[in-house]
mmCIF file of all heavy atoms, coordinates in Angstrom:
data_MODEL
# 
_entry.id   MODEL 
# 
loop_
_atom_site.group_PDB 
_atom_site.id 
_atom_site.type_symbol 
_atom_site.label_atom_id 
_atom_site.label_alt_id 
_atom_site.label_comp_id 
_atom_site.label_asym_id 
_atom_site.label_entity_id 
_atom_site.label_seq_id 
_atom_site.pdbx_PDB_ins_code 
_atom_site.Cartn_x 
_atom_site.Cartn_y 
_atom_site.Cartn_z 
_atom_site.occupancy 
_atom_site.B_iso_or_equiv 
_atom_site.pdbx_formal_charge 
_atom_site.auth_seq_id 
_atom_site.auth_comp_id 
_atom_site.auth_asym_id 
_atom_site.auth_atom_id 
_atom_site.pdbx_PDB_model_num 
ATOM 1   N N   . PRO A 1 1  ? 85.279 173.489 56.669 1.00 0.00 ? 1  PRO A N   1 
ATOM 2   C CA  . PRO A 1 1  ? 86.688 173.861 56.610 1.00 0.00 ? 1  PRO A CA  1 
ATOM 3   C C   . PRO A 1 1  ? 87.520 172.611 56.743 1.00 0.00 ? 1  PRO A C   1 
ATOM 4   O O   . PRO A 1 1  ? 87.138 171.573 57.371 1.00 0.00 ? 1  PRO A O   1 
ATOM 5   C CB  . PRO A 1 1  ? 86.791 174.637 57.930 1.00 0.00 ? 1  PRO A CB  1 
ATOM 6   C CG  . PRO A 1 1  ? 85.425 175.242 58.041 1.00 0.00 ? 1  PRO A CG  1 
ATOM 7   C CD  . PRO A 1 1  ? 84.530 174.249 57.687 1.00 0.00 ? 1  PRO A CD  1 
ATOM 8   N N   . HIS A 1 2  ? 88.688 172.624 55.992 1.00 0.00 ? 2  HIS A N   1 
ATOM 9   C CA  . HIS A 1 2  ? 89.681 171.491 55.981 1.00 0.00 ? 2  HIS A CA  1 
ATOM 10  C C   . HIS A 1 2  ? 89.170 170.271 55.364 1.00 0.00 ? 2  HIS A C   1 
ATOM 11  O O   . HIS A 1 2  ? 89.731 169.221 55.410 1.00 0.00 ? 2  HIS A O   1 
ATOM 12  C CB  . HIS A 1 2  ? 90.061 171.133 57.455 1.00 0.00 ? 2  HIS A CB  1 
ATOM 13  C CG  . HIS A 1 2  ? 90.457 172.280 58.275 1.00 0.00 ? 2  HIS A CG  1 
ATOM 14  N ND1 . HIS A 1 2  ? 91.493 173.128 58.047 1.00 0.00 ? 2  HIS A ND1 1 
ATOM 15  C CD2 . HIS A 1 2  ? 89.854 172.733 59.541 1.00 0.00 ? 2  HIS A CD2 1 
ATOM 16  C CE1 . HIS A 1 2  ? 91.574 174.147 58.996 1.00 0.00 ? 2  HIS A CE1 1 
ATOM 17  N NE2 . HIS A 1 2  ? 90.610 173.912 59.801 1.00 0.00 ? 2  HIS A NE2 1 
ATOM 18  N N   . LYS A 1 3  ? 88.074 170.385 54.604 1.00 0.00 ? 3  LYS A N   1 
ATOM 19  C CA  . LYS A 1 3  ? 87.628 169.281 53.737 1.00 0.00 ? 3  LYS A CA  1 
ATOM 20  C C   . LYS A 1 3  ? 87.831 169.556 52.319 1.00 0.00 ? 3  LYS A C   1 
ATOM 21  O O   . LYS A 1 3  ? 87.610 170.683 51.892 1.00 0.00 ? 3  LYS A O   1 
ATOM 22  C CB  . LYS A 1 3  ? 86.082 169.010 53.967 1.00 0.00 ? 3  LYS A CB  1 
ATOM 23  C CG  . LYS A 1 3  ? 85.746 168.523 55.315 1.00 0.00 ? 3  LYS A CG  1 
ATOM 24  C CD  . LYS A 1 3  ? 86.302 167.128 55.663 1.00 0.00 ? 3  LYS A CD  1 
ATOM 25  C CE  . LYS A 1 3  ? 85.764 166.597 57.018 1.00 0.00 ? 3  LYS A CE  1 
ATOM 26  N NZ  . LYS A 1 3  ? 86.265 165.251 57.165 1.00 0.00 ? 3  LYS A NZ  1 
ATOM 27  N N   . SER A 1 4  ? 88.355 168.591 51.516 1.00 0.00 ? 4  SER A N   1 
ATOM 28  C CA  . SER A 1 4  ? 88.619 168.869 50.099 1.00 0.00 ? 4  SER A CA  1 
ATOM 29  C C   . SER A 1 4  ? 87.510 168.223 49.265 1.00 0.00 ? 4  SER A C   1 
ATOM 30  O O   . SER A 1 4  ? 87.330 167.031 49.243 1.00 0.00 ? 4  SER A O   1 
ATOM 31  C CB  . SER A 1 4  ? 90.026 168.278 49.681 1.00 0.00 ? 4  SER A CB  1 
ATOM 32  O OG  . SER A 1 4  ? 90.003 166.925 49.991 1.00 0.00 ? 4  SER A OG  1 
ATOM 33  N N   . ALA A 1 5  ? 86.754 169.036 48.592 1.00 0.00 ? 5  ALA A N   1 
ATOM 34  C CA  . ALA A 1 5  ? 85.651 168.559 47.741 1.00 0.00 ? 5  ALA A CA  1 
ATOM 35  C C   . ALA A 1 5  ? 86.355 167.990 46.418 1.00 0.00 ? 5  ALA A C   1 
ATOM 36  O O   . ALA A 1 5  ? 87.387 168.541 46.032 1.00 0.00 ? 5  ALA A O   1 
ATOM 37  C CB  . ALA A 1 5  ? 84.694 169.734 47.365 1.00 0.00 ? 5  ALA A CB  1 
ATOM 38  N N   . PRO A 1 6  ? 85.646 167.143 45.699 1.00 0.00 ? 6  PRO A N   1 
ATOM 39  C CA  . PRO A 1 6  ? 84.331 166.566 46.014 1.00 0.00 ? 6  PRO A CA  1 
ATOM 40  C C   . PRO A 1 6  ? 84.363 165.193 46.600 1.00 0.00 ? 6  PRO A C   1 
ATOM 41  O O   . PRO A 1 6  ? 83.417 164.448 46.559 1.00 0.00 ? 6  PRO A O   1 
ATOM 42  C CB  . PRO A 1 6  ? 83.746 166.604 44.551 1.00 0.00 ? 6  PRO A CB  1 
ATOM 43  C CG  . PRO A 1 6  ? 84.983 166.169 43.671 1.00 0.00 ? 6  PRO A CG  1 
ATOM 44  C CD  . PRO A 1 6  ? 86.200 166.782 44.405 1.00 0.00 ? 6  PRO A CD  1 
ATOM 45  N N   . ALA A 1 7  ? 85.515 164.757 47.129 1.00 0.00 ? 7  ALA A N   1 
ATOM 46  C CA  . ALA A 1 7  ? 85.565 163.413 47.613 1.00 0.00 ? 7  ALA A CA  1 
ATOM 47  C C   . ALA A 1 7  ? 84.663 163.066 48.780 1.00 0.00 ? 7  ALA A C   1 
ATOM 48  O O   . ALA A 1 7  ? 84.302 164.085 49.569 1.00 0.00 ? 7  ALA A O   1 
ATOM 49  C CB  . ALA A 1 7  ? 87.017 163.104 48.144 1.00 0.00 ? 7  ALA A CB  1 
ATOM 50  N N   . TYR A 1 8  ? 84.152 161.925 48.773 1.00 0.00 ? 8  TYR A N   1 
ATOM 51  C CA  . TYR A 1 8  ? 83.193 161.460 49.861 1.00 0.00 ? 8  TYR A CA  1 
ATOM 52  C C   . TYR A 1 8  ? 84.026 161.563 51.197 1.00 0.00 ? 8  TYR A C   1 
ATOM 53  O O   . TYR A 1 8  ? 85.107 160.970 51.229 1.00 0.00 ? 8  TYR A O   1 
ATOM 54  C CB  . TYR A 1 8  ? 82.733 160.054 49.611 1.00 0.00 ? 8  TYR A CB  1 
ATOM 55  C CG  . TYR A 1 8  ? 81.881 159.539 50.742 1.00 0.00 ? 8  TYR A CG  1 
ATOM 56  C CD1 . TYR A 1 8  ? 80.616 160.094 51.078 1.00 0.00 ? 8  TYR A CD1 1 
ATOM 57  C CD2 . TYR A 1 8  ? 82.295 158.479 51.573 1.00 0.00 ? 8  TYR A CD2 1 
ATOM 58  C CE1 . TYR A 1 8  ? 79.883 159.640 52.144 1.00 0.00 ? 8  TYR A CE1 1 
ATOM 59  C CE2 . TYR A 1 8  ? 81.545 158.031 52.619 1.00 0.00 ? 8  TYR A CE2 1 
ATOM 60  C CZ  . TYR A 1 8  ? 80.405 158.503 52.890 1.00 0.00 ? 8  TYR A CZ  1 
ATOM 61  O OH  . TYR A 1 8  ? 79.604 158.122 53.957 1.00 0.00 ? 8  TYR A OH  1 
ATOM 62  N N   . PRO A 1 9  ? 83.553 162.129 52.254 1.00 0.00 ? 9  PRO A N   1 
ATOM 63  C CA  . PRO A 1 9  ? 84.285 162.370 53.381 1.00 0.00 ? 9  PRO A CA  1 
ATOM 64  C C   . PRO A 1 9  ? 84.372 161.181 54.407 1.00 0.00 ? 9  PRO A C   1 
ATOM 65  O O   . PRO A 1 9  ? 85.017 161.253 55.475 1.00 0.00 ? 9  PRO A O   1 
ATOM 66  C CB  . PRO A 1 9  ? 83.578 163.540 54.107 1.00 0.00 ? 9  PRO A CB  1 
ATOM 67  C CG  . PRO A 1 9  ? 82.166 163.349 53.732 1.00 0.00 ? 9  PRO A CG  1 
ATOM 68  C CD  . PRO A 1 9  ? 82.239 162.893 52.283 1.00 0.00 ? 9  PRO A CD  1 
ATOM 69  N N   . GLY A 1 10 ? 83.746 160.022 54.076 1.00 0.00 ? 10 GLY A N   1 
ATOM 70  C CA  . GLY A 1 10 ? 83.846 158.875 54.836 1.00 0.00 ? 10 GLY A CA  1 
ATOM 71  C C   . GLY A 1 10 ? 82.921 158.834 56.004 1.00 0.00 ? 10 GLY A C   1 
ATOM 72  O O   . GLY A 1 10 ? 83.221 158.136 57.016 1.00 0.00 ? 10 GLY A O   1 
ATOM 73  N N   . THR A 1 11 ? 81.844 159.610 55.964 1.00 0.00 ? 11 THR A N   1 
ATOM 74  C CA  . THR A 1 11 ? 80.962 159.713 57.154 1.00 0.00 ? 11 THR A CA  1 
ATOM 75  C C   . THR A 1 11 ? 80.478 158.356 57.675 1.00 0.00 ? 11 THR A C   1 
ATOM 76  O O   . THR A 1 11 ? 80.448 158.150 58.881 1.00 0.00 ? 11 THR A O   1 
ATOM 77  C CB  . THR A 1 11 ? 79.734 160.589 56.687 1.00 0.00 ? 11 THR A CB  1 
ATOM 78  O OG1 . THR A 1 11 ? 80.207 161.714 56.136 1.00 0.00 ? 11 THR A OG1 1 
ATOM 79  C CG2 . THR A 1 11 ? 78.823 160.830 57.952 1.00 0.00 ? 11 THR A CG2 1 
ATOM 80  N N   . CYS A 1 12 ? 80.089 157.421 56.728 1.00 0.00 ? 12 CYS A N   1 
ATOM 81  C CA  . CYS A 1 12 ? 79.557 156.169 57.288 1.00 0.00 ? 12 CYS A CA  1 
ATOM 82  C C   . CYS A 1 12 ? 80.571 155.031 57.227 1.00 0.00 ? 12 CYS A C   1 
ATOM 83  O O   . CYS A 1 12 ? 80.179 153.931 57.491 1.00 0.00 ? 12 CYS A O   1 
ATOM 84  C CB  . CYS A 1 12 ? 78.373 155.782 56.347 1.00 0.00 ? 12 CYS A CB  1 
ATOM 85  S SG  . CYS A 1 12 ? 76.991 156.894 56.360 1.00 0.00 ? 12 CYS A SG  1 
ATOM 86  N N   . ARG A 1 13 ? 81.757 155.315 56.976 1.00 0.00 ? 13 ARG A N   1 
ATOM 87  C CA  . ARG A 1 13 ? 82.851 154.216 56.763 1.00 0.00 ? 13 ARG A CA  1 
ATOM 88  C C   . ARG A 1 13 ? 82.951 153.414 58.121 1.00 0.00 ? 13 ARG A C   1 
ATOM 89  O O   . ARG A 1 13 ? 83.121 152.210 58.012 1.00 0.00 ? 13 ARG A O   1 
ATOM 90  C CB  . ARG A 1 13 ? 84.194 154.801 56.347 1.00 0.00 ? 13 ARG A CB  1 
ATOM 91  C CG  . ARG A 1 13 ? 85.167 153.774 56.042 1.00 0.00 ? 13 ARG A CG  1 
ATOM 92  C CD  . ARG A 1 13 ? 86.571 154.419 55.711 1.00 0.00 ? 13 ARG A CD  1 
ATOM 93  N NE  . ARG A 1 13 ? 86.493 155.244 54.609 1.00 0.00 ? 13 ARG A NE  1 
ATOM 94  C CZ  . ARG A 1 13 ? 86.917 156.530 54.536 1.00 0.00 ? 13 ARG A CZ  1 
ATOM 95  N NH1 . ARG A 1 13 ? 87.366 156.995 55.660 1.00 0.00 ? 13 ARG A NH1 1 
ATOM 96  N NH2 . ARG A 1 13 ? 86.817 157.259 53.427 1.00 0.00 ? 13 ARG A NH2 1 
ATOM 97  N N   . GLU A 1 14 ? 83.066 154.063 59.256 1.00 0.00 ? 14 GLU A N   1 
ATOM 98  C CA  . GLU A 1 14 ? 83.347 153.333 60.444 1.00 0.00 ? 14 GLU A CA  1 
ATOM 99  C C   . GLU A 1 14 ? 82.140 153.334 61.490 1.00 0.00 ? 14 GLU A C   1 
ATOM 100 O O   . GLU A 1 14 ? 82.413 153.282 62.669 1.00 0.00 ? 14 GLU A O   1 
ATOM 101 C CB  . GLU A 1 14 ? 84.631 153.948 61.106 1.00 0.00 ? 14 GLU A CB  1 
ATOM 102 C CG  . GLU A 1 14 ? 85.834 153.962 60.197 1.00 0.00 ? 14 GLU A CG  1 
ATOM 103 C CD  . GLU A 1 14 ? 86.208 152.563 59.756 1.00 0.00 ? 14 GLU A CD  1 
ATOM 104 O OE1 . GLU A 1 14 ? 85.861 151.657 60.399 1.00 0.00 ? 14 GLU A OE1 1 
ATOM 105 O OE2 . GLU A 1 14 ? 86.900 152.543 58.658 1.00 0.00 ? 14 GLU A OE2 1 
ATOM 106 N N   . LEU A 1 15 ? 80.990 153.430 60.997 1.00 0.00 ? 15 LEU A N   1 
ATOM 107 C CA  . LEU A 1 15 ? 79.896 153.355 61.879 1.00 0.00 ? 15 LEU A CA  1 
ATOM 108 C C   . LEU A 1 15 ? 79.788 151.984 62.616 1.00 0.00 ? 15 LEU A C   1 
ATOM 109 O O   . LEU A 1 15 ? 80.036 150.957 62.100 1.00 0.00 ? 15 LEU A O   1 
ATOM 110 C CB  . LEU A 1 15 ? 78.530 153.541 60.992 1.00 0.00 ? 15 LEU A CB  1 
ATOM 111 C CG  . LEU A 1 15 ? 78.259 154.887 60.331 1.00 0.00 ? 15 LEU A CG  1 
ATOM 112 C CD1 . LEU A 1 15 ? 76.922 154.856 59.714 1.00 0.00 ? 15 LEU A CD1 1 
ATOM 113 C CD2 . LEU A 1 15 ? 78.303 156.035 61.433 1.00 0.00 ? 15 LEU A CD2 1 
ATOM 114 N N   . SER A 1 16 ? 79.451 152.114 63.859 1.00 0.00 ? 16 SER A N   1 
ATOM 115 C CA  . SER A 1 16 ? 79.219 150.848 64.639 1.00 0.00 ? 16 SER A CA  1 
ATOM 116 C C   . SER A 1 16 ? 77.891 150.240 64.224 1.00 0.00 ? 16 SER A C   1 
ATOM 117 O O   . SER A 1 16 ? 77.103 150.855 63.593 1.00 0.00 ? 16 SER A O   1 
ATOM 118 C CB  . SER A 1 16 ? 79.208 151.204 66.086 1.00 0.00 ? 16 SER A CB  1 
ATOM 119 O OG  . SER A 1 16 ? 78.086 151.990 66.459 1.00 0.00 ? 16 SER A OG  1 
ATOM 120 N N   . ARG A 1 17 ? 77.726 149.018 64.698 1.00 0.00 ? 17 ARG A N   1 
ATOM 121 C CA  . ARG A 1 17 ? 76.435 148.270 64.346 1.00 0.00 ? 17 ARG A CA  1 
ATOM 122 C C   . ARG A 1 17 ? 75.233 149.113 64.964 1.00 0.00 ? 17 ARG A C   1 
ATOM 123 O O   . ARG A 1 17 ? 74.240 149.266 64.281 1.00 0.00 ? 17 ARG A O   1 
ATOM 124 C CB  . ARG A 1 17 ? 76.499 146.905 64.920 1.00 0.00 ? 17 ARG A CB  1 
ATOM 125 C CG  . ARG A 1 17 ? 75.224 146.123 64.698 1.00 0.00 ? 17 ARG A CG  1 
ATOM 126 C CD  . ARG A 1 17 ? 75.375 144.666 65.167 1.00 0.00 ? 17 ARG A CD  1 
ATOM 127 N NE  . ARG A 1 17 ? 76.476 143.983 64.466 1.00 0.00 ? 17 ARG A NE  1 
ATOM 128 C CZ  . ARG A 1 17 ? 76.788 142.675 64.782 1.00 0.00 ? 17 ARG A CZ  1 
ATOM 129 N NH1 . ARG A 1 17 ? 76.063 142.049 65.715 1.00 0.00 ? 17 ARG A NH1 1 
ATOM 130 N NH2 . ARG A 1 17 ? 77.711 142.166 64.117 1.00 0.00 ? 17 ARG A NH2 1 
ATOM 131 N N   . ALA A 1 18 ? 75.449 149.633 66.158 1.00 0.00 ? 18 ALA A N   1 
ATOM 132 C CA  . ALA A 1 18 ? 74.354 150.383 66.814 1.00 0.00 ? 18 ALA A CA  1 
ATOM 133 C C   . ALA A 1 18 ? 74.095 151.691 65.959 1.00 0.00 ? 18 ALA A C   1 
ATOM 134 O O   . ALA A 1 18 ? 72.904 152.098 65.748 1.00 0.00 ? 18 ALA A O   1 
ATOM 135 C CB  . ALA A 1 18 ? 74.712 150.734 68.227 1.00 0.00 ? 18 ALA A CB  1 
ATOM 136 N N   . GLN A 1 19 ? 75.123 152.423 65.450 1.00 0.00 ? 19 GLN A N   1 
ATOM 137 C CA  . GLN A 1 19 ? 74.895 153.561 64.659 1.00 0.00 ? 19 GLN A CA  1 
ATOM 138 C C   . GLN A 1 19 ? 74.296 153.298 63.314 1.00 0.00 ? 19 GLN A C   1 
ATOM 139 O O   . GLN A 1 19 ? 73.397 154.016 62.879 1.00 0.00 ? 19 GLN A O   1 
ATOM 140 C CB  . GLN A 1 19 ? 76.256 154.206 64.330 1.00 0.00 ? 19 GLN A CB  1 
ATOM 141 C CG  . GLN A 1 19 ? 76.830 154.889 65.632 1.00 0.00 ? 19 GLN A CG  1 
ATOM 142 C CD  . GLN A 1 19 ? 78.212 155.341 65.448 1.00 0.00 ? 19 GLN A CD  1 
ATOM 143 O OE1 . GLN A 1 19 ? 79.052 154.655 64.771 1.00 0.00 ? 19 GLN A OE1 1 
ATOM 144 N NE2 . GLN A 1 19 ? 78.589 156.540 65.920 1.00 0.00 ? 19 GLN A NE2 1 
ATOM 145 N N   . ARG A 1 20 ? 74.614 152.166 62.795 1.00 0.00 ? 20 ARG A N   1 
ATOM 146 C CA  . ARG A 1 20 ? 73.951 151.724 61.513 1.00 0.00 ? 20 ARG A CA  1 
ATOM 147 C C   . ARG A 1 20 ? 72.510 151.453 61.743 1.00 0.00 ? 20 ARG A C   1 
ATOM 148 O O   . ARG A 1 20 ? 71.620 151.815 60.884 1.00 0.00 ? 20 ARG A O   1 
ATOM 149 C CB  . ARG A 1 20 ? 74.668 150.496 60.845 1.00 0.00 ? 20 ARG A CB  1 
ATOM 150 C CG  . ARG A 1 20 ? 76.034 150.834 60.253 1.00 0.00 ? 20 ARG A CG  1 
ATOM 151 C CD  . ARG A 1 20 ? 76.712 149.643 59.658 1.00 0.00 ? 20 ARG A CD  1 
ATOM 152 N NE  . ARG A 1 20 ? 77.994 150.024 59.169 1.00 0.00 ? 20 ARG A NE  1 
ATOM 153 C CZ  . ARG A 1 20 ? 78.882 149.123 58.740 1.00 0.00 ? 20 ARG A CZ  1 
ATOM 154 N NH1 . ARG A 1 20 ? 78.636 147.926 58.786 1.00 0.00 ? 20 ARG A NH1 1 
ATOM 155 N NH2 . ARG A 1 20 ? 80.035 149.593 58.182 1.00 0.00 ? 20 ARG A NH2 1 
ATOM 156 N N   . THR A 1 21 ? 72.147 150.712 62.823 1.00 0.00 ? 21 THR A N   1 
ATOM 157 C CA  . THR A 1 21 ? 70.757 150.459 63.184 1.00 0.00 ? 21 THR A CA  1 
ATOM 158 C C   . THR A 1 21 ? 69.986 151.738 63.385 1.00 0.00 ? 21 THR A C   1 
ATOM 159 O O   . THR A 1 21 ? 68.863 151.844 62.855 1.00 0.00 ? 21 THR A O   1 
ATOM 160 C CB  . THR A 1 21 ? 70.714 149.552 64.458 1.00 0.00 ? 21 THR A CB  1 
ATOM 161 O OG1 . THR A 1 21 ? 71.382 148.338 64.243 1.00 0.00 ? 21 THR A OG1 1 
ATOM 162 C CG2 . THR A 1 21 ? 69.261 149.380 64.803 1.00 0.00 ? 21 THR A CG2 1 
ATOM 163 N N   . GLU A 1 22 ? 70.623 152.723 64.003 1.00 0.00 ? 22 GLU A N   1 
ATOM 164 C CA  . GLU A 1 22 ? 69.960 154.054 64.216 1.00 0.00 ? 22 GLU A CA  1 
ATOM 165 C C   . GLU A 1 22 ? 69.737 154.768 62.920 1.00 0.00 ? 22 GLU A C   1 
ATOM 166 O O   . GLU A 1 22 ? 68.661 155.284 62.620 1.00 0.00 ? 22 GLU A O   1 
ATOM 167 C CB  . GLU A 1 22 ? 70.827 154.868 65.091 1.00 0.00 ? 22 GLU A CB  1 
ATOM 168 C CG  . GLU A 1 22 ? 70.227 156.239 65.446 1.00 0.00 ? 22 GLU A CG  1 
ATOM 169 C CD  . GLU A 1 22 ? 68.912 156.152 66.146 1.00 0.00 ? 22 GLU A CD  1 
ATOM 170 O OE1 . GLU A 1 22 ? 68.677 155.222 66.888 1.00 0.00 ? 22 GLU A OE1 1 
ATOM 171 O OE2 . GLU A 1 22 ? 68.082 157.062 65.974 1.00 0.00 ? 22 GLU A OE2 1 
ATOM 172 N N   . ARG A 1 23 ? 70.712 154.770 61.999 1.00 0.00 ? 23 ARG A N   1 
ATOM 173 C CA  . ARG A 1 23 ? 70.600 155.356 60.719 1.00 0.00 ? 23 ARG A CA  1 
ATOM 174 C C   . ARG A 1 23 ? 69.489 154.613 59.913 1.00 0.00 ? 23 ARG A C   1 
ATOM 175 O O   . ARG A 1 23 ? 68.667 155.296 59.227 1.00 0.00 ? 23 ARG A O   1 
ATOM 176 C CB  . ARG A 1 23 ? 71.924 155.229 59.948 1.00 0.00 ? 23 ARG A CB  1 
ATOM 177 C CG  . ARG A 1 23 ? 73.022 156.135 60.431 1.00 0.00 ? 23 ARG A CG  1 
ATOM 178 C CD  . ARG A 1 23 ? 72.709 157.627 60.228 1.00 0.00 ? 23 ARG A CD  1 
ATOM 179 N NE  . ARG A 1 23 ? 73.927 158.422 60.606 1.00 0.00 ? 23 ARG A NE  1 
ATOM 180 C CZ  . ARG A 1 23 ? 74.732 158.980 59.688 1.00 0.00 ? 23 ARG A CZ  1 
ATOM 181 N NH1 . ARG A 1 23 ? 74.567 158.773 58.377 1.00 0.00 ? 23 ARG A NH1 1 
ATOM 182 N NH2 . ARG A 1 23 ? 75.716 159.781 60.059 1.00 0.00 ? 23 ARG A NH2 1 
ATOM 183 N N   . ALA A 1 24 ? 69.371 153.307 59.947 1.00 0.00 ? 24 ALA A N   1 
ATOM 184 C CA  . ALA A 1 24 ? 68.445 152.648 59.151 1.00 0.00 ? 24 ALA A CA  1 
ATOM 185 C C   . ALA A 1 24 ? 66.957 152.907 59.621 1.00 0.00 ? 24 ALA A C   1 
ATOM 186 O O   . ALA A 1 24 ? 66.028 152.832 58.816 1.00 0.00 ? 24 ALA A O   1 
ATOM 187 C CB  . ALA A 1 24 ? 68.635 151.148 59.323 1.00 0.00 ? 24 ALA A CB  1 
ATOM 188 N N   . ARG A 1 25 ? 66.861 153.329 60.852 1.00 0.00 ? 25 ARG A N   1 
ATOM 189 C CA  . ARG A 1 25 ? 65.522 153.749 61.434 1.00 0.00 ? 25 ARG A CA  1 
ATOM 190 C C   . ARG A 1 25 ? 64.996 154.950 60.692 1.00 0.00 ? 25 ARG A C   1 
ATOM 191 O O   . ARG A 1 25 ? 63.816 155.237 60.755 1.00 0.00 ? 25 ARG A O   1 
ATOM 192 C CB  . ARG A 1 25 ? 65.609 153.969 62.904 1.00 0.00 ? 25 ARG A CB  1 
ATOM 193 C CG  . ARG A 1 25 ? 65.682 152.639 63.688 1.00 0.00 ? 25 ARG A CG  1 
ATOM 194 C CD  . ARG A 1 25 ? 65.800 152.965 65.233 1.00 0.00 ? 25 ARG A CD  1 
ATOM 195 N NE  . ARG A 1 25 ? 65.933 151.732 65.879 1.00 0.00 ? 25 ARG A NE  1 
ATOM 196 C CZ  . ARG A 1 25 ? 66.601 151.638 67.137 1.00 0.00 ? 25 ARG A CZ  1 
ATOM 197 N NH1 . ARG A 1 25 ? 67.057 152.753 67.688 1.00 0.00 ? 25 ARG A NH1 1 
ATOM 198 N NH2 . ARG A 1 25 ? 66.723 150.463 67.780 1.00 0.00 ? 25 ARG A NH2 1 
ATOM 199 N N   . GLY A 1 26 ? 65.896 155.760 60.123 1.00 0.00 ? 26 GLY A N   1 
ATOM 200 C CA  . GLY A 1 26 ? 65.484 156.865 59.411 1.00 0.00 ? 26 GLY A CA  1 
ATOM 201 C C   . GLY A 1 26 ? 64.705 156.636 58.109 1.00 0.00 ? 26 GLY A C   1 
ATOM 202 O O   . GLY A 1 26 ? 64.037 157.516 57.554 1.00 0.00 ? 26 GLY A O   1 
ATOM 203 N N   . GLY A 1 27 ? 64.774 155.429 57.661 1.00 0.00 ? 27 GLY A N   1 
ATOM 204 C CA  . GLY A 1 27 ? 63.913 155.027 56.534 1.00 0.00 ? 27 GLY A CA  1 
ATOM 205 C C   . GLY A 1 27 ? 64.604 155.159 55.174 1.00 0.00 ? 27 GLY A C   1 
ATOM 206 O O   . GLY A 1 27 ? 63.988 154.769 54.170 1.00 0.00 ? 27 GLY A O   1 
ATOM 207 N N   . ARG A 1 28 ? 65.817 155.732 55.103 1.00 0.00 ? 28 ARG A N   1 
ATOM 208 C CA  . ARG A 1 28 ? 66.474 155.891 53.890 1.00 0.00 ? 28 ARG A CA  1 
ATOM 209 C C   . ARG A 1 28 ? 67.285 154.608 53.505 1.00 0.00 ? 28 ARG A C   1 
ATOM 210 O O   . ARG A 1 28 ? 68.223 154.283 54.286 1.00 0.00 ? 28 ARG A O   1 
ATOM 211 C CB  . ARG A 1 28 ? 67.416 157.042 53.884 1.00 0.00 ? 28 ARG A CB  1 
ATOM 212 C CG  . ARG A 1 28 ? 68.167 157.232 52.497 1.00 0.00 ? 28 ARG A CG  1 
ATOM 213 C CD  . ARG A 1 28 ? 69.233 158.333 52.573 1.00 0.00 ? 28 ARG A CD  1 
ATOM 214 N NE  . ARG A 1 28 ? 68.696 159.674 52.811 1.00 0.00 ? 28 ARG A NE  1 
ATOM 215 C CZ  . ARG A 1 28 ? 69.066 160.434 53.786 1.00 0.00 ? 28 ARG A CZ  1 
ATOM 216 N NH1 . ARG A 1 28 ? 69.966 160.088 54.621 1.00 0.00 ? 28 ARG A NH1 1 
ATOM 217 N NH2 . ARG A 1 28 ? 68.492 161.593 53.944 1.00 0.00 ? 28 ARG A NH2 1 
# 
């Protein structure tokens, strides 16, 4: 709801360094 497709919603735009490190551990 309240999201307009198909634009990228900016999920990773403002990740902190710690959040990026955690995402990187996922292996993708």
